[in-house]
């Protein structure tokens, strides 16, 4: 599996990309593949304060409903309306058009680099 090396990852299979004071959050290809066809997204509301490791939404697929975990402490500043309208973007382009939300981070998250995340998911 090819992972973008410029992103950081959580053990719960979210990725985060930081650009200035805002960070974009999504789920990894590994998570998207494990979920199957994503049919519904329940994302945190704009303005909501989220805490690293806590549930902040749900991703529903044809197989199951899975929790979405906050990758860091902070405030949600934007959700991806395109992905909400077309949840399949999470499957087709999880590192691009299938991003989930943007946030302003207020704490230092415990994140993995691409190498450490790949090691975590090998054989999974």
PDB file of N, CA and C in Angstrom:
ATOM      1  N   UNK A   1       0.853  -1.177   0.000  1.00  0.00           N
ATOM      2  CA  UNK A   1       0.000   0.000   0.000  1.00  0.00           C
ATOM      3  C   UNK A   1       0.897   1.239   0.000  1.00  0.00           C
ATOM      4  N   UNK A   2       0.599   2.150  -0.888  1.00  0.00           N
ATOM      5  CA  UNK A   2       1.377   3.383  -0.991  1.00  0.00           C
ATOM      6  C   UNK A   2       0.752   4.460  -0.105  1.00  0.00           C
ATOM      7  N   UNK A   3       1.552   4.978   0.808  1.00  0.00           N
ATOM      8  CA  UNK A   3       1.078   6.008   1.732  1.00  0.00           C
ATOM      9  C   UNK A   3       1.762   7.328   1.432  1.00  0.00           C
ATOM     10  N   UNK A   4       1.000   8.422   1.398  1.00  0.00           N
ATOM     11  CA  UNK A   4       1.649   9.726   1.261  1.00  0.00           C
ATOM     12  C   UNK A   4       2.572   9.976   2.457  1.00  0.00           C
ATOM     13  N   UNK A   5       3.825  10.302   2.188  1.00  0.00           N
ATOM     14  CA  UNK A   5       4.802  10.483   3.264  1.00  0.00           C
ATOM     15  C   UNK A   5       4.693  11.842   3.942  1.00  0.00           C
ATOM     16  N   UNK A   6       3.934  12.780   3.341  1.00  0.00           N
ATOM     17  CA  UNK A   6       3.798  14.111   3.929  1.00  0.00           C
ATOM     18  C   UNK A   6       2.661  14.191   4.945  1.00  0.00           C
ATOM     19  N   UNK A   7       1.929  13.097   5.147  1.00  0.00           N
ATOM     20  CA  UNK A   7       0.830  13.069   6.107  1.00  0.00           C
ATOM     21  C   UNK A   7       1.275  12.403   7.399  1.00  0.00           C
ATOM     22  N   UNK A   8       0.505  12.640   8.457  1.00  0.00           N
ATOM     23  CA  UNK A   8       0.682  11.935   9.725  1.00  0.00           C
ATOM     24  C   UNK A   8      -0.549  11.059   9.919  1.00  0.00           C
ATOM     25  N   UNK A   9      -0.399   9.997  10.723  1.00  0.00           N
ATOM     26  CA  UNK A   9      -1.434   8.982  10.843  1.00  0.00           C
ATOM     27  C   UNK A   9      -1.712   8.657  12.302  1.00  0.00           C
ATOM     28  N   UNK A  10      -2.940   8.149  12.559  1.00  0.00           N
ATOM     29  CA  UNK A  10      -3.278   7.664  13.896  1.00  0.00           C
ATOM     30  C   UNK A  10      -3.365   6.146  13.857  1.00  0.00           C
ATOM     31  N   UNK A  11      -3.280   5.532  15.021  1.00  0.00           N
ATOM     32  CA  UNK A  11      -3.432   4.082  15.108  1.00  0.00           C
ATOM     33  C   UNK A  11      -4.867   3.671  14.779  1.00  0.00           C
ATOM     34  N   UNK A  12      -5.795   4.640  14.783  1.00  0.00           N
ATOM     35  CA  UNK A  12      -7.201   4.384  14.470  1.00  0.00           C
ATOM     36  C   UNK A  12      -7.504   4.588  12.986  1.00  0.00           C
ATOM     37  N   UNK A  13      -6.455   4.781  12.172  1.00  0.00           N
ATOM     38  CA  UNK A  13      -6.550   4.828  10.709  1.00  0.00           C
ATOM     39  C   UNK A  13      -7.082   6.147  10.143  1.00  0.00           C
ATOM     40  N   UNK A  14      -6.851   7.235  10.860  1.00  0.00           N
ATOM     41  CA  UNK A  14      -7.105   8.558  10.302  1.00  0.00           C
ATOM     42  C   UNK A  14      -5.774   9.156   9.849  1.00  0.00           C
ATOM     43  N   UNK A  15      -5.853  10.059   8.881  1.00  0.00           N
ATOM     44  CA  UNK A  15      -4.659  10.807   8.479  1.00  0.00           C
ATOM     45  C   UNK A  15      -4.935  12.286   8.737  1.00  0.00           C
ATOM     46  N   UNK A  16      -3.849  13.037   8.860  1.00  0.00           N
ATOM     47  CA  UNK A  16      -3.964  14.472   9.103  1.00  0.00           C
ATOM     48  C   UNK A  16      -2.842  15.187   8.342  1.00  0.00           C
ATOM     49  N   UNK A  17      -3.223  16.250   7.675  1.00  0.00           N
ATOM     50  CA  UNK A  17      -2.274  17.083   6.928  1.00  0.00           C
ATOM     51  C   UNK A  17      -2.378  18.499   7.469  1.00  0.00           C
ATOM     52  N   UNK A  18      -1.272  19.061   7.890  1.00  0.00           N
ATOM     53  CA  UNK A  18      -1.271  20.399   8.466  1.00  0.00           C
ATOM     54  C   UNK A  18      -0.717  21.398   7.465  1.00  0.00           C
ATOM     55  N   UNK A  19      -1.473  22.483   7.283  1.00  0.00           N
ATOM     56  CA  UNK A  19      -1.083  23.562   6.387  1.00  0.00           C
ATOM     57  C   UNK A  19      -1.328  24.865   7.133  1.00  0.00           C
ATOM     58  N   UNK A  20      -0.261  25.423   7.690  1.00  0.00           N
ATOM     59  CA  UNK A  20      -0.429  26.627   8.502  1.00  0.00           C
ATOM     60  C   UNK A  20      -1.127  26.286   9.794  1.00  0.00           C
ATOM     61  N   UNK A  21      -2.186  27.036  10.112  1.00  0.00           N
ATOM     62  CA  UNK A  21      -2.880  26.781  11.378  1.00  0.00           C
ATOM     63  C   UNK A  21      -4.035  25.791  11.235  1.00  0.00           C
ATOM     64  N   UNK A  22      -4.357  25.390  10.007  1.00  0.00           N
ATOM     65  CA  UNK A  22      -5.449  24.438   9.791  1.00  0.00           C
ATOM     66  C   UNK A  22      -4.912  23.078   9.371  1.00  0.00           C
ATOM     67  N   UNK A  23      -5.632  22.040   9.780  1.00  0.00           N
ATOM     68  CA  UNK A  23      -5.272  20.676   9.422  1.00  0.00           C
ATOM     69  C   UNK A  23      -6.480  19.998   8.782  1.00  0.00           C
ATOM     70  N   UNK A  24      -6.211  19.199   7.762  1.00  0.00           N
ATOM     71  CA  UNK A  24      -7.247  18.438   7.080  1.00  0.00           C
ATOM     72  C   UNK A  24      -7.176  17.003   7.568  1.00  0.00           C
ATOM     73  N   UNK A  25      -8.352  16.389   7.777  1.00  0.00           N
ATOM     74  CA  UNK A  25      -8.446  15.044   8.351  1.00  0.00           C
ATOM     75  C   UNK A  25      -9.235  14.142   7.406  1.00  0.00           C
ATOM     76  N   UNK A  26      -8.786  12.899   7.295  1.00  0.00           N
ATOM     77  CA  UNK A  26      -9.512  11.892   6.527  1.00  0.00           C
ATOM     78  C   UNK A  26      -9.196  10.520   7.078  1.00  0.00           C
ATOM     79  N   UNK A  27      -9.697   9.487   6.406  1.00  0.00           N
ATOM     80  CA  UNK A  27      -9.353   8.119   6.789  1.00  0.00           C
ATOM     81  C   UNK A  27      -8.434   7.537   5.717  1.00  0.00           C
ATOM     82  N   UNK A  28      -7.626   6.592   6.116  1.00  0.00           N
ATOM     83  CA  UNK A  28      -6.625   6.014   5.221  1.00  0.00           C
ATOM     84  C   UNK A  28      -7.252   5.038   4.225  1.00  0.00           C
ATOM     85  N   UNK A  29      -6.495   4.705   3.197  1.00  0.00           N
ATOM     86  CA  UNK A  29      -6.918   3.692   2.221  1.00  0.00           C
ATOM     87  C   UNK A  29      -7.179   2.373   2.940  1.00  0.00           C
ATOM     88  N   UNK A  30      -6.329   2.027   3.921  1.00  0.00           N
ATOM     89  CA  UNK A  30      -6.514   0.797   4.702  1.00  0.00           C
ATOM     90  C   UNK A  30      -7.907   0.786   5.339  1.00  0.00           C
ATOM     91  N   UNK A  31      -8.303   1.890   5.960  1.00  0.00           N
ATOM     92  CA  UNK A  31      -9.619   1.983   6.599  1.00  0.00           C
ATOM     93  C   UNK A  31     -10.729   1.927   5.561  1.00  0.00           C
ATOM     94  N   UNK A  32     -10.573   2.660   4.467  1.00  0.00           N
ATOM     95  CA  UNK A  32     -11.599   2.687   3.426  1.00  0.00           C
ATOM     96  C   UNK A  32     -11.821   1.289   2.844  1.00  0.00           C
ATOM     97  N   UNK A  33     -10.728   0.563   2.609  1.00  0.00           N
ATOM     98  CA  UNK A  33     -10.840  -0.791   2.081  1.00  0.00           C
ATOM     99  C   UNK A  33     -11.506  -1.735   3.088  1.00  0.00           C
ATOM    100  N   UNK A  34     -11.164  -1.592   4.361  1.00  0.00           N
ATOM    101  CA  UNK A  34     -11.741  -2.441   5.400  1.00  0.00           C
ATOM    102  C   UNK A  34     -13.237  -2.155   5.587  1.00  0.00           C
ATOM    103  N   UNK A  35     -13.623  -0.891   5.418  1.00  0.00           N
ATOM    104  CA  UNK A  35     -15.023  -0.514   5.585  1.00  0.00           C
ATOM    105  C   UNK A  35     -15.904  -1.075   4.480  1.00  0.00           C
ATOM    106  N   UNK A  36     -15.385  -1.140   3.281  1.00  0.00           N
ATOM    107  CA  UNK A  36     -16.221  -1.483   2.133  1.00  0.00           C
ATOM    108  C   UNK A  36     -16.852  -0.208   1.586  1.00  0.00           C
ATOM    109  N   UNK A  37     -17.924  -0.340   0.842  1.00  0.00           N
ATOM    110  CA  UNK A  37     -18.549   0.819   0.197  1.00  0.00           C
ATOM    111  C   UNK A  37     -19.178   1.747   1.228  1.00  0.00           C
ATOM    112  N   UNK A  38     -18.615   2.951   1.357  1.00  0.00           N
ATOM    113  CA  UNK A  38     -19.124   3.938   2.312  1.00  0.00           C
ATOM    114  C   UNK A  38     -20.398   4.554   1.742  1.00  0.00           C
ATOM    115  N   UNK A  39     -21.465   4.554   2.562  1.00  0.00           N
ATOM    116  CA  UNK A  39     -22.765   5.058   2.106  1.00  0.00           C
ATOM    117  C   UNK A  39     -23.264   6.265   2.906  1.00  0.00           C
ATOM    118  N   UNK A  40     -22.645   6.555   4.060  1.00  0.00           N
ATOM    119  CA  UNK A  40     -23.117   7.678   4.881  1.00  0.00           C
ATOM    120  C   UNK A  40     -21.996   8.144   5.793  1.00  0.00           C
ATOM    121  N   UNK A  41     -21.896   9.471   5.948  1.00  0.00           N
ATOM    122  CA  UNK A  41     -20.922  10.075   6.858  1.00  0.00           C
ATOM    123  C   UNK A  41     -21.648  10.939   7.876  1.00  0.00           C
ATOM    124  N   UNK A  42     -21.329  10.754   9.144  1.00  0.00           N
ATOM    125  CA  UNK A  42     -21.811  11.614  10.227  1.00  0.00           C
ATOM    126  C   UNK A  42     -20.571  12.289  10.794  1.00  0.00           C
ATOM    127  N   UNK A  43     -20.352  13.543  10.377  1.00  0.00           N
ATOM    128  CA  UNK A  43     -19.128  14.262  10.733  1.00  0.00           C
ATOM    129  C   UNK A  43     -19.397  15.252  11.855  1.00  0.00           C
ATOM    130  N   UNK A  44     -18.352  15.665  12.577  1.00  0.00           N
ATOM    131  CA  UNK A  44     -18.540  16.663  13.634  1.00  0.00           C
ATOM    132  C   UNK A  44     -18.997  17.992  13.030  1.00  0.00           C
ATOM    133  N   UNK A  45     -19.727  18.761  13.822  1.00  0.00           N
ATOM    134  CA  UNK A  45     -20.245  20.046  13.358  1.00  0.00           C
ATOM    135  C   UNK A  45     -19.159  21.112  13.362  1.00  0.00           C
ATOM    136  N   UNK A  46     -19.254  22.050  12.442  1.00  0.00           N
ATOM    137  CA  UNK A  46     -18.343  23.201  12.433  1.00  0.00           C
ATOM    138  C   UNK A  46     -18.506  23.936  13.762  1.00  0.00           C
ATOM    139  N   UNK A  47     -17.386  24.253  14.387  1.00  0.00           N
ATOM    140  CA  UNK A  47     -17.394  24.923  15.692  1.00  0.00           C
ATOM    141  C   UNK A  47     -17.293  23.960  16.859  1.00  0.00           C
ATOM    142  N   UNK A  48     -17.474  22.671  16.602  1.00  0.00           N
ATOM    143  CA  UNK A  48     -17.396  21.670  17.661  1.00  0.00           C
ATOM    144  C   UNK A  48     -15.951  21.497  18.116  1.00  0.00           C
ATOM    145  N   UNK A  49     -15.763  21.374  19.419  1.00  0.00           N
ATOM    146  CA  UNK A  49     -14.452  21.082  19.986  1.00  0.00           C
ATOM    147  C   UNK A  49     -14.332  19.578  20.130  1.00  0.00           C
ATOM    148  N   UNK A  50     -13.243  19.028  19.599  1.00  0.00           N
ATOM    149  CA  UNK A  50     -13.034  17.581  19.664  1.00  0.00           C
ATOM    150  C   UNK A  50     -11.734  17.288  20.420  1.00  0.00           C
ATOM    151  N   UNK A  51     -11.663  16.079  20.963  1.00  0.00           N
ATOM    152  CA  UNK A  51     -10.520  15.673  21.777  1.00  0.00           C
ATOM    153  C   UNK A  51      -9.877  14.435  21.163  1.00  0.00           C
ATOM    154  N   UNK A  52      -8.558  14.464  21.043  1.00  0.00           N
ATOM    155  CA  UNK A  52      -7.808  13.354  20.445  1.00  0.00           C
ATOM    156  C   UNK A  52      -8.217  12.024  21.051  1.00  0.00           C
ATOM    157  N   UNK A  53      -8.509  11.065  20.175  1.00  0.00           N
ATOM    158  CA  UNK A  53      -8.865   9.726  20.609  1.00  0.00           C
ATOM    159  C   UNK A  53     -10.335   9.514  20.884  1.00  0.00           C
ATOM    160  N   UNK A  54     -11.099  10.598  21.020  1.00  0.00           N
ATOM    161  CA  UNK A  54     -12.536  10.484  21.279  1.00  0.00           C
ATOM    162  C   UNK A  54     -13.295  10.327  19.968  1.00  0.00           C
ATOM    163  N   UNK A  55     -14.439   9.682  20.028  1.00  0.00           N
ATOM    164  CA  UNK A  55     -15.305   9.547  18.864  1.00  0.00           C
ATOM    165  C   UNK A  55     -15.832  10.925  18.484  1.00  0.00           C
ATOM    166  N   UNK A  56     -15.749  11.246  17.183  1.00  0.00           N
ATOM    167  CA  UNK A  56     -16.248  12.549  16.724  1.00  0.00           C
ATOM    168  C   UNK A  56     -17.202  12.408  15.541  1.00  0.00           C
ATOM    169  N   UNK A  57     -17.527  11.181  15.172  1.00  0.00           N
ATOM    170  CA  UNK A  57     -18.456  10.948  14.084  1.00  0.00           C
ATOM    171  C   UNK A  57     -18.543   9.468  13.772  1.00  0.00           C
ATOM    172  N   UNK A  58     -19.249   9.158  12.680  1.00  0.00           N
ATOM    173  CA  UNK A  58     -19.403   7.774  12.251  1.00  0.00           C
ATOM    174  C   UNK A  58     -19.287   7.687  10.741  1.00  0.00           C
ATOM    175  N   UNK A  59     -18.809   6.534  10.298  1.00  0.00           N
ATOM    176  CA  UNK A  59     -18.751   6.219   8.869  1.00  0.00           C
ATOM    177  C   UNK A  59     -19.544   4.931   8.691  1.00  0.00           C
ATOM    178  N   UNK A  60     -20.594   5.016   7.869  1.00  0.00           N
ATOM    179  CA  UNK A  60     -21.434   3.852   7.635  1.00  0.00           C
ATOM    180  C   UNK A  60     -21.133   3.293   6.248  1.00  0.00           C
ATOM    181  N   UNK A  61     -20.950   1.985   6.206  1.00  0.00           N
ATOM    182  CA  UNK A  61     -20.713   1.315   4.931  1.00  0.00           C
ATOM    183  C   UNK A  61     -21.777   0.243   4.747  1.00  0.00           C
ATOM    184  N   UNK A  62     -21.719  -0.436   3.612  1.00  0.00           N
ATOM    185  CA  UNK A  62     -22.660  -1.526   3.383  1.00  0.00           C
ATOM    186  C   UNK A  62     -22.404  -2.681   4.336  1.00  0.00           C
ATOM    187  N   UNK A  63     -21.215  -2.705   4.970  1.00  0.00           N
ATOM    188  CA  UNK A  63     -20.848  -3.778   5.903  1.00  0.00           C
ATOM    189  C   UNK A  63     -21.174  -3.443   7.357  1.00  0.00           C
ATOM    190  N   UNK A  64     -20.925  -2.181   7.768  1.00  0.00           N
ATOM    191  CA  UNK A  64     -21.008  -1.858   9.190  1.00  0.00           C
ATOM    192  C   UNK A  64     -21.020  -0.351   9.407  1.00  0.00           C
ATOM    193  N   UNK A  65     -21.146   0.026  10.674  1.00  0.00           N
ATOM    194  CA  UNK A  65     -20.984   1.415  11.092  1.00  0.00           C
ATOM    195  C   UNK A  65     -19.733   1.462  11.963  1.00  0.00           C
ATOM    196  N   UNK A  66     -18.809   2.375  11.632  1.00  0.00           N
ATOM    197  CA  UNK A  66     -17.560   2.494  12.375  1.00  0.00           C
ATOM    198  C   UNK A  66     -17.423   3.891  12.941  1.00  0.00           C
ATOM    199  N   UNK A  67     -16.841   3.976  14.122  1.00  0.00           N
ATOM    200  CA  UNK A  67     -16.588   5.275  14.737  1.00  0.00           C
ATOM    201  C   UNK A  67     -15.460   5.996  14.012  1.00  0.00           C
ATOM    202  N   UNK A  68     -15.570   7.301  13.958  1.00  0.00           N
ATOM    203  CA  UNK A  68     -14.508   8.181  13.475  1.00  0.00           C
ATOM    204  C   UNK A  68     -13.907   8.816  14.722  1.00  0.00           C
ATOM    205  N   UNK A  69     -12.579   8.719  14.855  1.00  0.00           N
ATOM    206  CA  UNK A  69     -11.917   9.229  16.048  1.00  0.00           C
ATOM    207  C   UNK A  69     -11.169  10.520  15.730  1.00  0.00           C
ATOM    208  N   UNK A  70     -11.202  11.455  16.661  1.00  0.00           N
ATOM    209  CA  UNK A  70     -10.474  12.714  16.502  1.00  0.00           C
ATOM    210  C   UNK A  70      -8.976  12.428  16.544  1.00  0.00           C
ATOM    211  N   UNK A  71      -8.216  12.923  15.560  1.00  0.00           N
ATOM    212  CA  UNK A  71      -6.778  12.690  15.559  1.00  0.00           C
ATOM    213  C   UNK A  71      -6.001  13.632  16.470  1.00  0.00           C
ATOM    214  N   UNK A  72      -6.667  14.701  16.910  1.00  0.00           N
ATOM    215  CA  UNK A  72      -6.000  15.722  17.735  1.00  0.00           C
ATOM    216  C   UNK A  72      -7.058  16.524  18.477  1.00  0.00           C
ATOM    217  N   UNK A  73      -6.614  17.280  19.482  1.00  0.00           N
ATOM    218  CA  UNK A  73      -7.495  18.228  20.161  1.00  0.00           C
ATOM    219  C   UNK A  73      -7.653  19.448  19.270  1.00  0.00           C
ATOM    220  N   UNK A  74      -8.868  19.990  19.217  1.00  0.00           N
ATOM    221  CA  UNK A  74      -9.043  21.207  18.453  1.00  0.00           C
ATOM    222  C   UNK A  74     -10.487  21.513  18.135  1.00  0.00           C
ATOM    223  N   UNK A  75     -10.655  22.481  17.239  1.00  0.00           N
ATOM    224  CA  UNK A  75     -11.979  22.936  16.837  1.00  0.00           C
ATOM    225  C   UNK A  75     -12.188  22.658  15.350  1.00  0.00           C
ATOM    226  N   UNK A  76     -13.333  22.093  15.026  1.00  0.00           N
ATOM    227  CA  UNK A  76     -13.689  21.810  13.640  1.00  0.00           C
ATOM    228  C   UNK A  76     -14.025  23.134  12.945  1.00  0.00           C
ATOM    229  N   UNK A  77     -13.375  23.383  11.806  1.00  0.00           N
ATOM    230  CA  UNK A  77     -13.581  24.643  11.084  1.00  0.00           C
ATOM    231  C   UNK A  77     -14.343  24.461   9.779  1.00  0.00           C
ATOM    232  N   UNK A  78     -14.397  23.229   9.256  1.00  0.00           N
ATOM    233  CA  UNK A  78     -15.062  22.979   7.976  1.00  0.00           C
ATOM    234  C   UNK A  78     -15.299  21.486   7.824  1.00  0.00           C
ATOM    235  N   UNK A  79     -16.412  21.120   7.187  1.00  0.00           N
ATOM    236  CA  UNK A  79     -16.609  19.729   6.816  1.00  0.00           C
ATOM    237  C   UNK A  79     -16.636  19.647   5.294  1.00  0.00           C
ATOM    238  N   UNK A  80     -16.352  18.481   4.770  1.00  0.00           N
ATOM    239  CA  UNK A  80     -16.316  18.275   3.328  1.00  0.00           C
ATOM    240  C   UNK A  80     -17.723  17.940   2.849  1.00  0.00           C
ATOM    241  N   UNK A  81     -18.461  18.973   2.420  1.00  0.00           N
ATOM    242  CA  UNK A  81     -19.829  18.782   1.963  1.00  0.00           C
ATOM    243  C   UNK A  81     -19.905  17.846   0.766  1.00  0.00           C
ATOM    244  N   UNK A  82     -18.881  17.860  -0.090  1.00  0.00           N
ATOM    245  CA  UNK A  82     -18.876  16.975  -1.256  1.00  0.00           C
ATOM    246  C   UNK A  82     -18.846  15.512  -0.818  1.00  0.00           C
ATOM    247  N   UNK A  83     -18.058  15.186   0.201  1.00  0.00           N
ATOM    248  CA  UNK A  83     -17.984  13.808   0.693  1.00  0.00           C
ATOM    249  C   UNK A  83     -19.273  13.418   1.417  1.00  0.00           C
ATOM    250  N   UNK A  84     -19.898  14.362   2.113  1.00  0.00           N
ATOM    251  CA  UNK A  84     -21.179  14.068   2.764  1.00  0.00           C
ATOM    252  C   UNK A  84     -22.222  13.738   1.697  1.00  0.00           C
ATOM    253  N   UNK A  85     -22.232  14.513   0.607  1.00  0.00           N
ATOM    254  CA  UNK A  85     -23.191  14.291  -0.475  1.00  0.00           C
ATOM    255  C   UNK A  85     -22.873  13.025  -1.266  1.00  0.00           C
ATOM    256  N   UNK A  86     -21.584  12.693  -1.382  1.00  0.00           N
ATOM    257  CA  UNK A  86     -21.143  11.525  -2.146  1.00  0.00           C
ATOM    258  C   UNK A  86     -20.116  10.755  -1.310  1.00  0.00           C
ATOM    259  N   UNK A  87     -20.588   9.972  -0.321  1.00  0.00           N
ATOM    260  CA  UNK A  87     -19.680   9.277   0.597  1.00  0.00           C
ATOM    261  C   UNK A  87     -18.696   8.328  -0.083  1.00  0.00           C
ATOM    262  N   UNK A  88     -18.995   7.875  -1.281  1.00  0.00           N
ATOM    263  CA  UNK A  88     -18.099   6.988  -2.007  1.00  0.00           C
ATOM    264  C   UNK A  88     -16.744   7.612  -2.298  1.00  0.00           C
ATOM    265  N   UNK A  89     -16.636   8.946  -2.182  1.00  0.00           N
ATOM    266  CA  UNK A  89     -15.340   9.613  -2.349  1.00  0.00           C
ATOM    267  C   UNK A  89     -14.319   9.094  -1.339  1.00  0.00           C
ATOM    268  N   UNK A  90     -14.801   8.666  -0.167  1.00  0.00           N
ATOM    269  CA  UNK A  90     -13.899   8.111   0.849  1.00  0.00           C
ATOM    270  C   UNK A  90     -13.224   6.855   0.309  1.00  0.00           C
ATOM    271  N   UNK A  91     -13.945   6.062  -0.484  1.00  0.00           N
ATOM    272  CA  UNK A  91     -13.368   4.848  -1.071  1.00  0.00           C
ATOM    273  C   UNK A  91     -12.509   5.161  -2.286  1.00  0.00           C
ATOM    274  N   UNK A  92     -12.992   6.048  -3.154  1.00  0.00           N
ATOM    275  CA  UNK A  92     -12.299   6.278  -4.419  1.00  0.00           C
ATOM    276  C   UNK A  92     -11.072   7.172  -4.284  1.00  0.00           C
ATOM    277  N   UNK A  93     -11.071   8.088  -3.324  1.00  0.00           N
ATOM    278  CA  UNK A  93      -9.959   9.031  -3.179  1.00  0.00           C
ATOM    279  C   UNK A  93      -9.788   9.437  -1.715  1.00  0.00           C
ATOM    280  N   UNK A  94      -9.428   8.477  -0.834  1.00  0.00           N
ATOM    281  CA  UNK A  94      -9.374   8.786   0.603  1.00  0.00           C
ATOM    282  C   UNK A  94      -8.344   9.840   0.991  1.00  0.00           C
ATOM    283  N   UNK A  95      -7.273   9.996   0.202  1.00  0.00           N
ATOM    284  CA  UNK A  95      -6.236  10.975   0.535  1.00  0.00           C
ATOM    285  C   UNK A  95      -6.426  12.297  -0.217  1.00  0.00           C
ATOM    286  N   UNK A  96      -7.493  12.395  -0.997  1.00  0.00           N
ATOM    287  CA  UNK A  96      -7.737  13.599  -1.795  1.00  0.00           C
ATOM    288  C   UNK A  96      -9.151  14.109  -1.576  1.00  0.00           C
ATOM    289  N   UNK A  97     -10.001  13.938  -2.588  1.00  0.00           N
ATOM    290  CA  UNK A  97     -11.368  14.462  -2.549  1.00  0.00           C
ATOM    291  C   UNK A  97     -12.210  13.871  -1.420  1.00  0.00           C
ATOM    292  N   UNK A  98     -11.793  12.721  -0.875  1.00  0.00           N
ATOM    293  CA  UNK A  98     -12.534  12.077   0.200  1.00  0.00           C
ATOM    294  C   UNK A  98     -12.150  12.525   1.600  1.00  0.00           C
ATOM    295  N   UNK A  99     -11.441  13.670   1.723  1.00  0.00           N
ATOM    296  CA  UNK A  99     -11.131  14.182   3.071  1.00  0.00           C
ATOM    297  C   UNK A  99     -12.447  14.425   3.815  1.00  0.00           C
ATOM    298  N   UNK A 100     -12.393  14.458   5.143  1.00  0.00           N
ATOM    299  CA  UNK A 100     -13.618  14.547   5.938  1.00  0.00           C
ATOM    300  C   UNK A 100     -13.880  15.918   6.546  1.00  0.00           C
ATOM    301  N   UNK A 101     -12.879  16.458   7.259  1.00  0.00           N
ATOM    302  CA  UNK A 101     -13.080  17.779   7.873  1.00  0.00           C
ATOM    303  C   UNK A 101     -11.748  18.470   8.088  1.00  0.00           C
ATOM    304  N   UNK A 102     -11.848  19.780   8.358  1.00  0.00           N
ATOM    305  CA  UNK A 102     -10.660  20.569   8.702  1.00  0.00           C
ATOM    306  C   UNK A 102     -10.822  21.039  10.136  1.00  0.00           C
ATOM    307  N   UNK A 103      -9.678  21.214  10.791  1.00  0.00           N
ATOM    308  CA  UNK A 103      -9.705  21.629  12.194  1.00  0.00           C
ATOM    309  C   UNK A 103      -8.521  22.517  12.524  1.00  0.00           C
ATOM    310  N   UNK A 104      -8.694  23.291  13.573  1.00  0.00           N
ATOM    311  CA  UNK A 104      -7.607  24.091  14.147  1.00  0.00           C
ATOM    312  C   UNK A 104      -7.146  23.324  15.378  1.00  0.00           C
ATOM    313  N   UNK A 105      -5.919  22.821  15.345  1.00  0.00           N
ATOM    314  CA  UNK A 105      -5.386  21.995  16.430  1.00  0.00           C
ATOM    315  C   UNK A 105      -4.973  22.865  17.613  1.00  0.00           C
ATOM    316  N   UNK A 106      -5.382  22.436  18.816  1.00  0.00           N
ATOM    317  CA  UNK A 106      -5.030  23.176  20.028  1.00  0.00           C
ATOM    318  C   UNK A 106      -4.082  22.397  20.931  1.00  0.00           C
ATOM    319  N   UNK A 107      -3.808  21.137  20.605  1.00  0.00           N
ATOM    320  CA  UNK A 107      -2.895  20.324  21.404  1.00  0.00           C
ATOM    321  C   UNK A 107      -1.950  19.587  20.480  1.00  0.00           C
ATOM    322  N   UNK A 108      -0.900  19.041  21.029  1.00  0.00           N
ATOM    323  CA  UNK A 108       0.066  18.288  20.236  1.00  0.00           C
ATOM    324  C   UNK A 108      -0.376  16.836  20.169  1.00  0.00           C
ATOM    325  N   UNK A 109      -0.795  16.374  18.986  1.00  0.00           N
ATOM    326  CA  UNK A 109      -1.286  15.000  18.880  1.00  0.00           C
ATOM    327  C   UNK A 109      -0.147  13.986  18.838  1.00  0.00           C
ATOM    328  N   UNK A 110      -0.467  12.761  19.221  1.00  0.00           N
ATOM    329  CA  UNK A 110       0.466  11.644  19.127  1.00  0.00           C
ATOM    330  C   UNK A 110       0.201  10.960  17.792  1.00  0.00           C
ATOM    331  N   UNK A 111       1.035  11.250  16.804  1.00  0.00           N
ATOM    332  CA  UNK A 111       0.801  10.761  15.452  1.00  0.00           C
ATOM    333  C   UNK A 111       1.957   9.906  14.951  1.00  0.00           C
ATOM    334  N   UNK A 112       1.673   9.091  13.951  1.00  0.00           N
ATOM    335  CA  UNK A 112       2.664   8.213  13.342  1.00  0.00           C
ATOM    336  C   UNK A 112       3.087   8.778  11.993  1.00  0.00           C
ATOM    337  N   UNK A 113       4.330   8.528  11.597  1.00  0.00           N
ATOM    338  CA  UNK A 113       4.728   8.862  10.234  1.00  0.00           C
ATOM    339  C   UNK A 113       4.297   7.701   9.329  1.00  0.00           C
ATOM    340  N   UNK A 114       4.475   7.854   8.013  1.00  0.00           N
ATOM    341  CA  UNK A 114       4.028   6.850   7.058  1.00  0.00           C
ATOM    342  C   UNK A 114       4.685   5.490   7.313  1.00  0.00           C
ATOM    343  N   UNK A 115       5.960   5.480   7.659  1.00  0.00           N
ATOM    344  CA  UNK A 115       6.668   4.227   7.909  1.00  0.00           C
ATOM    345  C   UNK A 115       6.080   3.487   9.113  1.00  0.00           C
ATOM    346  N   UNK A 116       5.835   4.208  10.190  1.00  0.00           N
ATOM    347  CA  UNK A 116       5.283   3.599  11.396  1.00  0.00           C
ATOM    348  C   UNK A 116       3.851   3.125  11.154  1.00  0.00           C
ATOM    349  N   UNK A 117       3.064   3.899  10.391  1.00  0.00           N
ATOM    350  CA  UNK A 117       1.693   3.468  10.091  1.00  0.00           C
ATOM    351  C   UNK A 117       1.705   2.219   9.208  1.00  0.00           C
ATOM    352  N   UNK A 118       2.592   2.175   8.224  1.00  0.00           N
ATOM    353  CA  UNK A 118       2.693   1.005   7.355  1.00  0.00           C
ATOM    354  C   UNK A 118       3.041  -0.229   8.177  1.00  0.00           C
ATOM    355  N   UNK A 119       3.954  -0.086   9.127  1.00  0.00           N
ATOM    356  CA  UNK A 119       4.326  -1.205   9.994  1.00  0.00           C
ATOM    357  C   UNK A 119       3.128  -1.675  10.827  1.00  0.00           C
ATOM    358  N   UNK A 120       2.321  -0.715  11.277  1.00  0.00           N
ATOM    359  CA  UNK A 120       1.129  -1.032  12.077  1.00  0.00           C
ATOM    360  C   UNK A 120       0.119  -1.842  11.270  1.00  0.00           C
ATOM    361  N   UNK A 121      -0.016  -1.535   9.989  1.00  0.00           N
ATOM    362  CA  UNK A 121      -1.062  -2.151   9.187  1.00  0.00           C
ATOM    363  C   UNK A 121      -0.581  -3.350   8.355  1.00  0.00           C
ATOM    364  N   UNK A 122       0.712  -3.620   8.344  1.00  0.00           N
ATOM    365  CA  UNK A 122       1.215  -4.772   7.596  1.00  0.00           C
ATOM    366  C   UNK A 122       0.597  -6.058   8.128  1.00  0.00           C
ATOM    367  N   UNK A 123       0.117  -6.850   7.197  1.00  0.00           N
ATOM    368  CA  UNK A 123      -0.481  -8.121   7.583  1.00  0.00           C
ATOM    369  C   UNK A 123      -1.877  -7.989   8.151  1.00  0.00           C
ATOM    370  N   UNK A 124      -2.376  -6.744   8.225  1.00  0.00           N
ATOM    371  CA  UNK A 124      -3.732  -6.548   8.776  1.00  0.00           C
ATOM    372  C   UNK A 124      -4.769  -6.718   7.698  1.00  0.00           C
TER     373      UNK A 124
END
